[in-house]
C-alpha atoms as a PDB file:
ATOM      1  CA  MET A   1     -83.646  -0.227 -40.971  1.00  0.00           C
ATOM      2  CA  LYS A   2     -81.959  -2.092 -38.179  1.00  0.00           C
ATOM      3  CA  THR A   3     -82.592   0.661 -35.653  1.00  0.00           C
ATOM      4  CA  ARG A   4     -86.237   0.843 -36.665  1.00  0.00           C
ATOM      5  CA  GLY A   5     -86.656  -2.916 -36.017  1.00  0.00           C
ATOM      6  CA  LEU A   6     -84.907  -2.552 -32.661  1.00  0.00           C
ATOM      7  CA  LEU A   7     -87.167   0.376 -31.793  1.00  0.00           C
ATOM      8  CA  LEU A   8     -90.266  -1.604 -32.779  1.00  0.00           C
ATOM      9  CA  LEU A   9     -89.140  -4.375 -30.401  1.00  0.00           C
ATOM     10  CA  ALA A  10     -88.010  -2.095 -27.562  1.00  0.00           C
ATOM     11  CA  VAL A  11     -91.221  -0.063 -27.286  1.00  0.00           C
ATOM     12  CA  PRO A  12     -93.526  -3.033 -26.483  1.00  0.00           C
ATOM     13  CA  VAL A  13     -90.930  -4.518 -24.130  1.00  0.00           C
ATOM     14  CA  LEU A  14     -90.606  -1.212 -22.260  1.00  0.00           C
ATOM     15  CA  TRP A  15     -94.386  -0.858 -22.188  1.00  0.00           C
ATOM     16  CA  VAL A  16     -94.804  -4.347 -20.694  1.00  0.00           C
ATOM     17  CA  ALA A  17     -92.030  -3.606 -18.183  1.00  0.00           C
ATOM     18  CA  ALA A  18     -93.729  -0.354 -17.125  1.00  0.00           C
ATOM     19  CA  LEU A  19     -97.087  -2.133 -16.830  1.00  0.00           C
ATOM     20  CA  GLY A  20     -95.529  -4.926 -14.773  1.00  0.00           C
ATOM     21  CA  SER A  21     -93.798  -2.394 -12.546  1.00  0.00           C
ATOM     22  CA  ALA A  22     -97.082  -0.540 -11.960  1.00  0.00           C
ATOM     23  CA  ALA A  23     -98.888  -3.786 -11.155  1.00  0.00           C
ATOM     24  CA  GLY A  24     -96.116  -4.735  -8.733  1.00  0.00           C
ATOM     25  CA  ALA A  25     -96.323  -1.351  -6.993  1.00  0.00           C
ATOM     26  CA  ILE A  26    -100.102  -1.661  -6.642  1.00  0.00           C
ATOM     27  CA  TRP A  27     -99.804  -5.188  -5.245  1.00  0.00           C
ATOM     28  CA  CYS A  28     -97.121  -4.073  -2.747  1.00  0.00           C
ATOM     29  CA  LYS A  29     -99.286  -1.156  -1.573  1.00  0.00           C
ATOM     30  CA  HIS A  30    -102.306  -3.451  -1.152  1.00  0.00           C
ATOM     31  CA  ARG A  31    -100.246  -6.052   0.732  1.00  0.00           C
ATOM     32  CA  SER A  32     -98.759  -3.418   3.032  1.00  0.00           C
ATOM     33  CA  ARG A  33    -102.261  -2.179   3.882  1.00  0.00           C
ATOM     34  CA  GLU A  34    -103.384  -5.724   4.665  1.00  0.00           C
ATOM     35  CA  MET A  35    -100.370  -6.253   6.891  1.00  0.00           C
ATOM     36  CA  PHE A  36    -100.992  -2.934   8.684  1.00  0.00           C
ATOM     37  CA  VAL A  37    -104.593  -3.936   9.423  1.00  0.00           C
ATOM     38  CA  GLU A  38    -103.374  -7.296  10.733  1.00  0.00           C
ATOM     39  CA  LEU A  39    -100.763  -5.566  12.896  1.00  0.00           C
ATOM     40  CA  GLU A  40    -103.368  -3.250  14.390  1.00  0.00           C
ATOM     41  CA  SER A  41    -105.681  -6.169  15.206  1.00  0.00           C
ATOM     42  CA  LEU A  42    -102.799  -8.039  16.836  1.00  0.00           C
ATOM     43  CA  ASN A  43    -101.920  -4.937  18.869  1.00  0.00           C
ATOM     44  CA  ALA A  44    -105.549  -4.657  20.024  1.00  0.00           C
ATOM     45  CA  ARG A  45    -105.553  -8.339  20.989  1.00  0.00           C
ATOM     46  CA  ARG A  46    -102.267  -7.881  22.875  1.00  0.00           C
ATOM     47  CA  ASP A  47    -103.735  -4.923  24.773  1.00  0.00           C
ATOM     48  CA  ASN A  48    -106.832  -6.945  25.703  1.00  0.00           C
ATOM     49  CA  LEU A  49    -104.679  -9.853  26.886  1.00  0.00           C
ATOM     50  CA  GLU A  50    -102.562  -7.504  29.005  1.00  0.00           C
ATOM     51  CA  ILE A  51    -105.728  -6.130  30.624  1.00  0.00           C
ATOM     52  CA  GLU A  52    -106.976  -9.667  31.294  1.00  0.00           C
ATOM     53  CA  TRP A  53    -103.571 -10.646  32.720  1.00  0.00           C
ATOM     54  CA  GLY A  54    -103.680  -7.683  35.113  1.00  0.00           C
ATOM     55  CA  GLN A  55    -107.181  -8.637  36.223  1.00  0.00           C
ATOM     56  CA  LEU A  56    -106.084 -12.236  36.826  1.00  0.00           C
ATOM     57  CA  GLN A  57    -103.136 -11.040  38.911  1.00  0.00           C
ATOM     58  CA  LEU A  58    -105.470  -8.903  41.022  1.00  0.00           C
ATOM     59  CA  GLU A  59    -107.842 -11.832  41.446  1.00  0.00           C
ATOM     60  CA  GLN A  60    -105.006 -14.135  42.428  1.00  0.00           C
ATOM     61  CA  SER A  61    -103.726 -11.687  45.016  1.00  0.00           C
ATOM     62  CA  ALA A  62    -107.260 -11.380  46.447  1.00  0.00           C
ATOM     63  CA  TRP A  63    -107.594 -15.163  46.691  1.00  0.00           C
ATOM     64  CA  SER A  64    -104.322 -15.532  48.550  1.00  0.00           C
ATOM     65  CA  THR A  65    -104.921 -13.005  51.321  1.00  0.00           C
ATOM     66  CA  HIS A  66    -104.791 -14.374  54.849  1.00  0.00           C
ATOM     67  CA  ALA A  67    -108.346 -13.255  55.661  1.00  0.00           C
ATOM     68  CA  PHE A  68    -109.794 -14.961  52.581  1.00  0.00           C
ATOM     69  CA  VAL A  69    -107.992 -18.242  53.244  1.00  0.00           C
ATOM     70  CA  GLU A  70    -109.064 -18.179  56.887  1.00  0.00           C
ATOM     71  CA  ARG A  71    -112.690 -17.461  55.975  1.00  0.00           C
ATOM     72  CA  VAL A  72    -112.806 -20.301  53.413  1.00  0.00           C
ATOM     73  CA  ALA A  73    -111.171 -22.680  55.874  1.00  0.00           C
ATOM     74  CA  SER A  74    -113.695 -21.881  58.569  1.00  0.00           C
ATOM     75  CA  THR A  75    -116.864 -21.756  56.431  1.00  0.00           C
ATOM     76  CA  LYS A  76    -116.369 -24.343  53.702  1.00  0.00           C
ATOM     77  CA  LEU A  77    -113.924 -26.733  55.347  1.00  0.00           C
ATOM     78  CA  ARG A  78    -115.271 -26.302  58.887  1.00  0.00           C
ATOM     79  CA  MET A  79    -111.744 -25.766  60.212  1.00  0.00           C
ATOM     80  CA  ALA A  80    -111.095 -23.893  63.439  1.00  0.00           C
ATOM     81  CA  THR A  81    -108.015 -22.542  65.146  1.00  0.00           C
ATOM     82  CA  PRO A  82    -107.092 -24.868  68.016  1.00  0.00           C
ATOM     83  CA  PRO A  83    -106.945 -23.490  71.507  1.00  0.00           C
ATOM     84  CA  PRO A  84    -103.465 -22.393  72.623  1.00  0.00           C
ATOM     85  CA  LYS A  85    -103.107 -25.326  75.062  1.00  0.00           C
ATOM     86  CA  ASP A  86    -103.438 -27.797  72.158  1.00  0.00           C
ATOM     87  CA  ILE A  87    -100.682 -26.184  70.066  1.00  0.00           C
ATOM     88  CA  GLU A  88     -97.298 -27.865  70.160  1.00  0.00           C
ATOM     89  CA  ILE A  89     -94.169 -26.284  68.740  1.00  0.00           C
ATOM     90  CA  ILE A  90     -91.710 -28.779  67.315  1.00  0.00           C
ATOM     91  CA  SER A  91     -88.137 -27.746  66.696  1.00  0.00           C
ATOM     92  CA  PRO A  92     -85.575 -29.730  64.718  1.00  0.00           C
END
C-alpha cells in the first residue's frame, strides 16, 4: 500500500515537472529567436553607421583640400594672396 501511495504522488509530480520543463524549453527557444532578431537589427544599424562614417570621412577630406579652402577664402571671405613684395618672412 505504501508504494501505491508513493506512486500516486510521484506520477503527478513528474507530470508537472515534465510540463514545466517543456514550457521552459519553449520560452527559451522564443527568447533566443527574439534576441537573434535584435542582434540582426543591431548589425544592420552598425553597418549603416559604418557607411555613414565613411561618407563623413570622405566629405571631411574634400572640405580640407587646399583648392577648396583657397576657393572659399577668395569667394566668400574676399581674401586674396598678397603680392610677393608685401610678404615678410619672420624667423625666431
